[in-house]
Amino acid sequence: MAKRALAVFVLAAGIGVLRGADCTRTSVGKTPLNDLGEGRYEGEQGGLYPGGSNARPASHDEDLDRVGRVKLLDADGNPDPHSGRIVLLSIGMSNTTQEFQVFKQRADADRSKNARVIIVDGAQGGQDAATIADPDAPYWDTVDQKLLQAGVTPLQVESVWLKEARARPTEPFPEDARLLQEDLRSIVRIVKSRYPNTRSVYMSSRTYGGYATTELNPEPYAYQSGFSVKWLVQDQLDGRADVNFDPARGEVLAPWLSWAAYLWADGLTPRSDGLVWRCEDFQDDGTHPSPSGRDKVADMLLGFFKSDPTTVPWFVDCDPSSPGVFGAPPEVRELRASRTVGESVELSWDSLDPVAGAATLYDVLRGTISELRADGGFARAECLAASLPDTPFADSEPGPANDGFWYLVRGRNTCGEGTYGDGSGSPDPRQPLDAGSVACP
């Protein structure tokens, strides 16, 4: 008799834990960060980026292109334009894996996605931010196993989607958001340590938590987690050493950081872009996404990776009909000139093939330094070589007496022509070159 009573008690307790979502809480009266702008929440400015802005600073994008271009890599992390891969990895908790699995299905079925991008879901249920902020957490070994199962290695991970929260927070704002911020800081540093070729981490905060009926991560903590992401990105923009990504500024301890899709909206109150969260977008606990909720996040995430200027060059295949091309060539970097034994000038540069595809070709312009000084531009440039298959190139012509040559190189492929670079003038004297004057056949 006693055993029967105990069984009934446990069942009743279970029913209490699994009660349905509170569908009456259709709003909590908070303004999404992307709509808050320069406004304030508990004294803290809105916007996804500093100054209440939702636009990532252009200088941050330029820094990423300078130090962290995504490339096709082999299993040892070496550039490989022919059979290399680019791994996009998710890091996070139960919501993250549920949403990312749908994203992966849709992205892999999207004909515009670069087939060389391998999407791996490293997120796992029950793994909150505080848990995986420990570099020795078993979580990380499981991520490595998932990479192995996908046929890729940790050295091929180059981009990450990170979405995390702290389980059962109780602290007042901003302490709760600061604690999550520090967990996220630890996580991105672990990512860089374990996956050293990671160029970028794109972060999202929680979806709406107003329907939640558990203490796992309800409002206002779901909303306030957006400040954790905002502040961590701002730390990097402000040059904090513990999240430095630029070798020119010191030891590299973290990847480049950015917002991905911002997911929070105030229940049924439409965001400026129309986003709402309905009760049916969540499971019975009001916290985890239902199939419709997963679809929403997956659509927003896919839209982000297909449109953001820092992801389009490697995530989207600009010419699916050409197996040797997947991205338009960016600016050639690290152009070098050296004298050889035979007095030729050997030009070399960082190949764009792992960045844009092995079918990328190169054009070389040349002119004299005296003409460059006299003209203040490149009007008398000549096309020295066209359609080179790759670096290097030797110029065997002796330099003019009491003068010297200058050189510029650009890449081009079926997706477009690259640039000969940006000068310091305004207007830029290289713009006519990019426009085809002087032309290489």
Protein backbone atom coordinates (compact mmCIF):
# COMPACT_ATOMS: atom_id res chain seq x y z
CA MET A 1 0.00 0.00 0.00
CA ALA A 2 2.84 2.32 0.87
CA LYS A 3 4.55 1.59 -2.45
CA ARG A 4 1.38 2.43 -4.40
CA ALA A 5 1.05 5.77 -2.59
CA LEU A 6 4.68 6.63 -3.34
CA ALA A 7 4.20 5.87 -7.03
CA VAL A 8 1.15 8.12 -7.21
CA PHE A 9 3.06 10.92 -5.48
CA VAL A 10 5.96 10.76 -7.95
CA LEU A 11 3.60 10.73 -10.91
CA ALA A 12 1.76 13.74 -9.58
CA ALA A 13 5.04 15.56 -9.06
CA GLY A 14 6.01 14.73 -12.65
CA ILE A 15 2.74 16.17 -13.94
CA GLY A 16 3.46 19.35 -12.03
CA VAL A 17 6.89 19.71 -13.64
CA LEU A 18 5.56 19.07 -17.12
CA ARG A 19 2.62 21.47 -16.99
CA GLY A 20 1.91 23.28 -20.25
CA ALA A 21 3.28 26.60 -21.36
CA ASP A 22 1.62 29.75 -20.04
CA CYS A 23 0.05 30.97 -23.28
CA THR A 24 -1.48 34.00 -21.56
CA ARG A 25 1.91 35.76 -21.32
CA THR A 26 1.87 37.12 -24.83
CA SER A 27 4.09 40.06 -23.90
CA VAL A 28 6.48 41.11 -21.15
CA GLY A 29 6.58 44.75 -22.23
CA LYS A 30 10.25 44.88 -23.23
CA THR A 31 11.69 46.39 -26.40
CA PRO A 32 13.93 44.18 -28.56
CA LEU A 33 17.52 45.39 -28.62
CA ASN A 34 17.39 46.04 -32.35
CA ASP A 35 14.36 48.30 -31.85
CA LEU A 36 15.58 49.93 -28.63
CA GLY A 37 18.34 51.81 -30.43
CA GLU A 38 19.76 54.63 -28.33
CA GLY A 39 17.03 54.04 -25.77
CA ARG A 40 17.79 52.49 -22.39
CA TYR A 41 16.85 49.37 -20.49
CA GLU A 42 17.69 49.59 -16.80
CA GLY A 43 20.27 52.22 -17.70
CA GLU A 44 21.88 50.18 -20.49
CA GLN A 45 21.76 51.40 -24.09
CA GLY A 46 20.07 49.30 -26.74
CA GLY A 47 21.18 48.39 -30.23
CA LEU A 48 23.24 45.36 -31.17
CA TYR A 49 26.43 47.39 -31.46
CA PRO A 50 27.85 50.47 -29.69
CA GLY A 51 26.01 53.77 -29.92
CA GLY A 52 22.61 52.11 -30.23
CA SER A 53 23.43 50.94 -33.75
CA ASN A 54 22.40 47.64 -35.33
CA ALA A 55 25.13 47.94 -37.98
CA ARG A 56 28.45 46.24 -37.40
CA PRO A 57 31.32 48.75 -37.76
CA ALA A 58 32.85 48.60 -41.24
CA SER A 59 36.32 48.64 -39.70
CA HIS A 60 35.52 45.36 -37.93
CA ASP A 61 34.69 43.72 -41.27
CA GLU A 62 37.88 45.09 -42.78
CA ASP A 63 39.93 43.69 -39.91
CA LEU A 64 38.41 40.24 -40.44
CA ASP A 65 39.32 40.32 -44.13
CA ARG A 66 42.83 41.39 -43.24
CA VAL A 67 43.58 38.72 -40.63
CA GLY A 68 40.99 36.00 -40.94
CA ARG A 69 39.90 35.01 -44.43
CA VAL A 70 38.08 31.68 -44.51
CA LYS A 71 39.94 29.21 -46.74
CA LEU A 72 39.56 25.68 -47.98
CA LEU A 73 41.66 23.61 -45.58
CA ASP A 74 42.86 20.01 -45.57
CA ALA A 75 42.69 17.76 -42.51
CA ASP A 76 45.94 19.23 -41.19
CA GLY A 77 44.68 22.78 -41.50
CA ASN A 78 46.71 23.65 -44.61
CA PRO A 79 45.22 25.58 -47.56
CA ASP A 80 43.90 23.14 -50.17
CA PRO A 81 41.95 24.70 -53.05
CA HIS A 82 41.19 21.34 -54.66
CA SER A 83 39.84 19.09 -51.90
CA GLY A 84 39.81 21.32 -48.81
CA ARG A 85 36.77 21.91 -46.64
CA ILE A 86 35.30 24.72 -44.54
CA VAL A 87 33.59 23.64 -41.32
CA LEU A 88 30.76 25.66 -39.79
CA LEU A 89 30.20 24.37 -36.24
CA SER A 90 27.47 25.04 -33.71
CA ILE A 91 28.29 25.40 -30.03
CA GLY A 92 25.61 25.53 -27.37
CA MET A 93 22.74 23.94 -25.48
CA SER A 94 19.51 22.05 -26.20
CA ASN A 95 17.74 24.93 -27.97
CA THR A 96 20.83 25.43 -30.09
CA THR A 97 21.03 21.85 -31.33
CA GLN A 98 17.29 21.65 -31.98
CA GLU A 99 17.41 24.80 -34.10
CA PHE A 100 20.74 24.10 -35.78
CA GLN A 101 19.68 20.64 -36.94
CA VAL A 102 16.84 22.22 -38.92
CA PHE A 103 19.22 24.92 -40.20
CA LYS A 104 21.65 22.23 -41.36
CA GLN A 105 18.92 20.35 -43.22
CA ARG A 106 17.77 23.49 -45.02
CA ALA A 107 21.26 24.79 -45.75
CA ASP A 108 22.48 21.46 -47.13
CA ALA A 109 19.44 21.30 -49.41
CA ASP A 110 19.96 24.90 -50.62
CA ARG A 111 21.52 24.88 -54.09
CA SER A 112 23.19 28.22 -53.46
CA LYS A 113 25.17 26.92 -50.49
CA ASN A 114 28.85 26.23 -51.07
CA ALA A 115 29.12 22.42 -51.19
CA ARG A 116 32.59 22.67 -49.67
CA VAL A 117 31.07 23.98 -46.43
CA ILE A 118 30.50 21.12 -43.99
CA ILE A 119 27.96 21.96 -41.31
CA VAL A 120 28.44 20.14 -38.01
CA ASP A 121 26.09 20.38 -35.03
CA GLY A 122 28.26 20.44 -31.93
CA ALA A 123 25.54 21.73 -29.61
CA GLN A 124 24.19 19.34 -26.97
CA GLY A 125 21.23 19.15 -24.62
CA GLY A 126 21.75 19.96 -20.96
CA GLN A 127 24.95 21.90 -21.62
CA ASP A 128 24.47 25.45 -20.39
CA ALA A 129 27.02 28.25 -20.58
CA ALA A 130 28.47 27.69 -17.11
CA THR A 131 29.04 24.01 -17.90
CA ILE A 132 30.90 24.42 -21.19
CA ALA A 133 32.87 27.46 -19.98
CA ASP A 134 35.12 24.83 -18.39
CA PRO A 135 37.79 23.80 -20.94
CA ASP A 136 37.91 20.33 -19.34
CA ALA A 137 34.16 19.74 -19.62
CA PRO A 138 33.25 16.43 -21.35
CA TYR A 139 31.17 18.55 -23.71
CA TRP A 140 34.23 19.42 -25.76
CA ASP A 141 35.28 15.80 -26.27
CA THR A 142 31.82 15.10 -27.64
CA VAL A 143 32.17 17.98 -30.10
CA ASP A 144 35.40 16.44 -31.36
CA GLN A 145 33.62 13.10 -31.80
CA LYS A 146 30.93 14.80 -33.87
CA LEU A 147 33.56 16.36 -36.09
CA LEU A 148 35.16 12.95 -36.58
CA GLN A 149 31.80 11.42 -37.48
CA ALA A 150 31.31 14.15 -40.09
CA GLY A 151 34.64 13.27 -41.69
CA VAL A 152 36.39 16.51 -40.76
CA THR A 153 38.96 17.57 -38.17
CA PRO A 154 39.23 20.29 -35.50
CA LEU A 155 41.76 22.05 -37.75
CA GLN A 156 39.11 22.56 -40.43
CA VAL A 157 36.72 24.45 -38.15
CA GLU A 158 36.70 28.06 -39.33
CA SER A 159 33.36 29.51 -38.26
CA VAL A 160 31.04 28.92 -35.31
CA TRP A 161 27.46 29.73 -34.39
CA LEU A 162 27.30 30.15 -30.61
CA LYS A 163 24.04 30.34 -28.70
CA GLU A 164 24.08 29.83 -24.95
CA ALA A 165 22.31 30.69 -21.70
CA ARG A 166 22.79 30.03 -17.98
CA ALA A 167 20.45 27.50 -16.42
CA ARG A 168 18.18 28.76 -13.62
CA PRO A 169 19.57 32.26 -13.18
CA THR A 170 18.38 34.24 -10.15
CA GLU A 171 20.59 37.33 -10.08
CA PRO A 172 19.24 40.84 -10.71
CA PHE A 173 20.14 42.72 -13.86
CA PRO A 174 22.85 43.47 -14.89
CA GLU A 175 24.61 40.86 -12.74
CA ASP A 176 22.89 37.97 -14.52
CA ALA A 177 23.93 39.28 -17.94
CA ARG A 178 27.48 39.96 -16.77
CA LEU A 179 27.82 36.38 -15.54
CA LEU A 180 26.69 35.06 -18.92
CA GLN A 181 29.02 37.51 -20.64
CA GLU A 182 31.97 36.04 -18.74
CA ASP A 183 30.89 32.50 -19.60
CA LEU A 184 30.70 33.45 -23.27
CA ARG A 185 34.13 35.03 -23.02
CA SER A 186 35.55 31.75 -21.71
CA ILE A 187 33.75 29.76 -24.40
CA VAL A 188 35.09 31.77 -27.35
CA ARG A 189 38.59 31.48 -25.92
CA ILE A 190 38.16 27.70 -25.61
CA VAL A 191 36.97 27.62 -29.24
CA LYS A 192 40.14 29.39 -30.39
CA SER A 193 42.32 27.10 -28.30
CA ARG A 194 40.72 23.83 -29.45
CA TYR A 195 40.00 24.91 -33.02
CA PRO A 196 42.88 27.29 -33.81
CA ASN A 197 41.83 28.01 -37.40
CA THR A 198 38.48 29.42 -36.30
CA ARG A 199 38.22 32.83 -37.93
CA SER A 200 34.83 33.97 -36.70
CA VAL A 201 32.19 33.29 -34.05
CA TYR A 202 28.65 34.51 -34.77
CA MET A 203 26.48 34.73 -31.66
CA SER A 204 22.76 34.78 -30.97
CA SER A 205 20.93 35.25 -27.68
CA ARG A 206 17.72 33.56 -26.55
CA THR A 207 14.29 33.64 -28.12
CA TYR A 208 11.24 34.84 -26.15
CA GLY A 209 10.86 33.25 -22.72
CA GLY A 210 7.54 34.68 -21.63
CA TYR A 211 5.61 31.44 -22.09
CA ALA A 212 8.05 29.49 -19.91
CA THR A 213 6.67 27.59 -16.93
CA THR A 214 10.00 26.31 -15.62
CA GLU A 215 12.91 28.12 -14.02
CA LEU A 216 15.33 26.96 -16.72
CA ASN A 217 15.65 30.34 -18.47
CA PRO A 218 12.44 32.38 -18.33
CA GLU A 219 11.95 36.12 -18.68
CA PRO A 220 13.51 38.53 -18.00
CA TYR A 221 16.67 36.44 -18.33
CA ALA A 222 15.98 35.38 -21.92
CA TYR A 223 15.70 39.04 -22.95
CA GLN A 224 18.63 40.16 -20.86
CA SER A 225 20.94 37.56 -22.40
CA GLY A 226 21.06 39.83 -25.43
CA PHE A 227 23.12 42.30 -23.44
CA SER A 228 25.65 39.55 -22.69
CA VAL A 229 26.33 39.11 -26.41
CA LYS A 230 26.28 42.86 -27.06
CA TRP A 231 28.79 43.57 -24.30
CA LEU A 232 31.18 40.80 -25.33
CA VAL A 233 31.25 42.02 -28.94
CA GLN A 234 31.78 45.54 -27.64
CA ASP A 235 34.72 44.32 -25.53
CA GLN A 236 36.42 43.16 -28.72
CA LEU A 237 35.58 46.36 -30.56
CA ASP A 238 37.09 48.28 -27.64
CA GLY A 239 40.31 46.30 -27.98
CA ARG A 240 40.22 44.21 -24.81
CA ALA A 241 43.27 41.96 -24.79
CA ASP A 242 41.47 38.87 -23.47
CA VAL A 243 39.34 38.66 -26.63
CA ASN A 244 41.95 39.91 -29.10
CA PHE A 245 41.75 38.38 -32.58
CA ASP A 246 44.35 40.51 -34.36
CA PRO A 247 48.01 39.40 -34.26
CA ALA A 248 49.06 43.00 -34.93
CA ARG A 249 47.60 43.94 -31.53
CA GLY A 250 49.10 41.18 -29.44
CA GLU A 251 48.47 37.55 -28.56
CA VAL A 252 45.44 36.10 -30.35
CA LEU A 253 43.09 34.63 -27.72
CA ALA A 254 39.72 34.61 -29.46
CA PRO A 255 38.20 34.53 -32.94
CA TRP A 256 36.62 37.59 -34.51
CA LEU A 257 33.20 38.14 -32.88
CA SER A 258 29.89 39.31 -34.29
CA TRP A 259 26.16 39.05 -33.86
CA ALA A 260 24.41 36.46 -35.98
CA ALA A 261 20.61 36.70 -36.21
CA TYR A 262 19.05 38.45 -33.21
CA LEU A 263 16.15 36.18 -32.21
CA TRP A 264 14.21 37.89 -29.40
CA ALA A 265 10.82 39.50 -29.91
CA ASP A 266 8.20 40.42 -27.30
CA GLY A 267 5.76 37.55 -27.76
CA LEU A 268 2.86 38.59 -29.95
CA THR A 269 4.01 42.23 -30.11
CA PRO A 270 5.51 42.51 -33.60
CA ARG A 271 9.12 43.56 -33.84
CA SER A 272 9.95 46.28 -36.39
CA ASP A 273 10.64 43.53 -38.94
CA GLY A 274 7.39 41.73 -38.05
CA LEU A 275 8.88 38.90 -35.96
CA VAL A 276 6.56 37.50 -33.26
CA TRP A 277 6.74 34.44 -31.03
CA ARG A 278 3.53 32.49 -30.60
CA CYS A 279 2.88 29.99 -27.85
CA GLU A 280 2.75 27.19 -30.41
CA ASP A 281 6.35 28.03 -31.36
CA PHE A 282 7.41 26.35 -28.11
CA GLN A 283 7.14 22.96 -26.49
CA ASP A 284 5.08 22.37 -23.34
CA ASP A 285 7.71 23.99 -21.13
CA GLY A 286 7.48 27.28 -23.02
CA THR A 287 11.27 27.29 -23.33
CA HIS A 288 12.36 24.79 -25.98
CA PRO A 289 11.30 25.39 -29.57
CA SER A 290 8.55 23.38 -31.21
CA PRO A 291 8.86 22.47 -34.91
CA SER A 292 7.48 25.89 -35.92
CA GLY A 293 9.89 27.64 -33.56
CA ARG A 294 12.83 25.68 -34.94
CA ASP A 295 11.74 26.63 -38.44
CA LYS A 296 11.75 30.33 -37.51
CA VAL A 297 15.25 30.25 -36.10
CA ALA A 298 16.56 28.12 -38.97
CA ASP A 299 15.10 30.55 -41.52
CA MET A 300 16.60 33.56 -39.73
CA LEU A 301 19.97 31.87 -39.42
CA LEU A 302 20.04 30.74 -43.06
CA GLY A 303 19.06 34.24 -44.14
CA PHE A 304 21.93 35.65 -42.10
CA PHE A 305 24.62 33.36 -43.52
CA LYS A 306 23.36 33.92 -47.07
CA SER A 307 23.40 37.71 -46.78
CA ASP A 308 26.00 38.89 -44.28
CA PRO A 309 28.99 40.42 -46.13
CA THR A 310 31.47 38.42 -44.03
CA THR A 311 29.80 35.05 -44.67
CA VAL A 312 28.62 35.33 -48.27
CA PRO A 313 32.15 34.93 -49.74
CA TRP A 314 32.49 31.39 -48.34
CA PHE A 315 28.98 30.20 -47.45
CA VAL A 316 27.33 30.99 -50.79
CA ASP A 317 28.58 29.45 -54.04
CA CYS A 318 28.56 32.27 -56.55
CA ASP A 319 28.84 29.86 -59.52
CA PRO A 320 27.50 26.35 -58.79
CA SER A 321 28.07 25.42 -62.44
CA SER A 322 31.85 25.75 -62.04
CA PRO A 323 33.51 23.25 -59.69
CA GLY A 324 36.64 25.42 -59.58
CA VAL A 325 34.95 28.55 -58.26
CA PHE A 326 32.84 29.33 -55.21
CA GLY A 327 33.61 32.96 -54.35
CA ALA A 328 34.38 36.22 -56.08
CA PRO A 329 38.07 37.06 -55.61
CA PRO A 330 38.83 39.61 -52.89
CA GLU A 331 41.86 41.89 -52.87
CA VAL A 332 45.22 40.16 -53.31
CA ARG A 333 47.24 40.35 -50.12
CA GLU A 334 50.95 40.13 -49.30
CA LEU A 335 52.29 41.08 -52.73
CA ARG A 336 56.05 40.63 -52.57
CA ALA A 337 58.89 41.36 -55.05
CA SER A 338 62.42 40.00 -54.87
CA ARG A 339 65.46 39.90 -57.15
CA THR A 340 66.53 36.49 -58.41
CA VAL A 341 70.04 35.34 -59.34
CA GLY A 342 69.39 36.22 -62.97
CA GLU A 343 68.30 39.75 -62.08
CA SER A 344 64.65 38.94 -62.78
CA VAL A 345 62.03 40.20 -60.38
CA GLU A 346 59.97 37.43 -58.85
CA LEU A 347 56.50 38.44 -57.74
CA SER A 348 54.59 36.34 -55.24
CA TRP A 349 51.39 36.81 -53.29
CA ASP A 350 48.95 34.97 -51.06
CA SER A 351 47.01 32.75 -53.42
CA LEU A 352 43.28 33.40 -53.61
CA ASP A 353 42.61 29.85 -54.79
CA PRO A 354 41.72 28.51 -51.30
CA VAL A 355 39.58 31.64 -50.76
CA ALA A 356 37.68 31.73 -54.05
CA GLY A 357 38.40 28.50 -55.92
CA ALA A 358 41.19 26.86 -57.89
CA ALA A 359 39.96 28.30 -61.21
CA THR A 360 40.84 31.85 -60.12
CA LEU A 361 43.23 33.58 -62.54
CA TYR A 362 45.53 36.54 -61.98
CA ASP A 363 46.43 39.72 -63.89
CA VAL A 364 49.61 41.73 -63.28
CA LEU A 365 50.03 45.43 -64.05
CA ARG A 366 53.34 47.24 -64.17
CA GLY A 367 54.60 50.79 -64.51
CA THR A 368 57.59 52.93 -63.66
CA ILE A 369 57.93 54.74 -60.38
CA SER A 370 58.86 57.99 -62.12
CA GLU A 371 55.62 57.95 -64.15
CA LEU A 372 53.60 57.13 -61.05
CA ARG A 373 55.08 60.14 -59.29
CA ALA A 374 54.64 62.44 -62.27
CA ASP A 375 51.03 61.41 -62.97
CA GLY A 376 49.85 60.93 -59.41
CA GLY A 377 48.13 57.81 -60.70
CA PHE A 378 48.34 54.77 -62.94
CA ALA A 379 47.39 56.21 -66.33
CA ARG A 380 50.50 54.81 -68.05
CA ALA A 381 50.28 51.33 -66.54
CA GLU A 382 50.70 48.30 -68.79
CA CYS A 383 49.31 44.79 -68.55
CA LEU A 384 52.41 42.72 -67.90
CA ALA A 385 50.69 39.33 -67.65
CA ALA A 386 47.11 38.09 -67.91
CA SER A 387 45.29 34.95 -66.80
CA LEU A 388 48.13 33.55 -64.69
CA PRO A 389 47.09 30.29 -63.03
CA ASP A 390 48.64 31.20 -59.68
CA THR A 391 51.56 32.75 -57.84
CA PRO A 392 54.54 33.29 -58.44
CA PHE A 393 55.46 35.20 -61.61
CA ALA A 394 58.90 36.27 -62.88
CA ASP A 395 59.46 39.57 -64.68
CA SER A 396 62.68 39.10 -66.65
CA GLU A 397 62.85 42.61 -68.14
CA PRO A 398 65.61 44.73 -66.60
CA GLY A 399 64.40 47.74 -64.69
CA PRO A 400 64.81 51.19 -66.30
CA ALA A 401 68.01 53.04 -65.53
CA ASN A 402 67.80 55.28 -62.48
CA ASP A 403 64.19 54.19 -62.04
CA GLY A 404 62.18 51.19 -60.95
CA PHE A 405 58.98 49.27 -61.58
CA TRP A 406 55.85 49.05 -59.47
CA TYR A 407 53.45 46.09 -59.68
CA LEU A 408 49.80 45.43 -58.91
CA VAL A 409 47.99 42.09 -59.00
CA ARG A 410 44.31 41.17 -58.99
CA GLY A 411 42.34 37.93 -59.20
CA ARG A 412 39.37 37.17 -61.40
CA ASN A 413 37.08 34.23 -62.06
CA THR A 414 33.61 33.51 -63.39
CA CYS A 415 32.06 35.26 -60.39
CA GLY A 416 33.78 38.56 -61.07
CA GLU A 417 36.93 40.58 -61.16
CA GLY A 418 38.82 41.44 -58.00
CA THR A 419 40.42 44.72 -57.14
CA TYR A 420 43.94 46.00 -57.58
CA GLY A 421 43.64 47.33 -54.06
CA ASP A 422 42.75 50.52 -52.27
CA GLY A 423 45.02 53.53 -52.10
CA SER A 424 44.95 56.40 -49.68
CA GLY A 425 43.76 59.04 -52.15
CA SER A 426 40.22 60.32 -52.64
CA PRO A 427 39.18 59.63 -55.29
CA ASP A 428 41.23 56.44 -55.25
CA PRO A 429 43.66 56.45 -58.20
CA ARG A 430 43.25 52.67 -58.54
CA GLN A 431 39.54 52.91 -59.35
CA PRO A 432 40.14 53.35 -63.12
CA LEU A 433 42.26 50.18 -63.05
CA ASP A 434 39.46 48.25 -61.42
CA ALA A 435 37.06 49.65 -64.03
CA GLY A 436 39.18 48.20 -66.86
CA SER A 437 41.47 51.06 -67.82
CA VAL A 438 44.22 49.63 -68.30
CA ALA A 439 42.73 46.29 -69.42
CA CYS A 440 44.31 42.87 -69.34
CA PRO A 441 42.95 40.60 -72.08
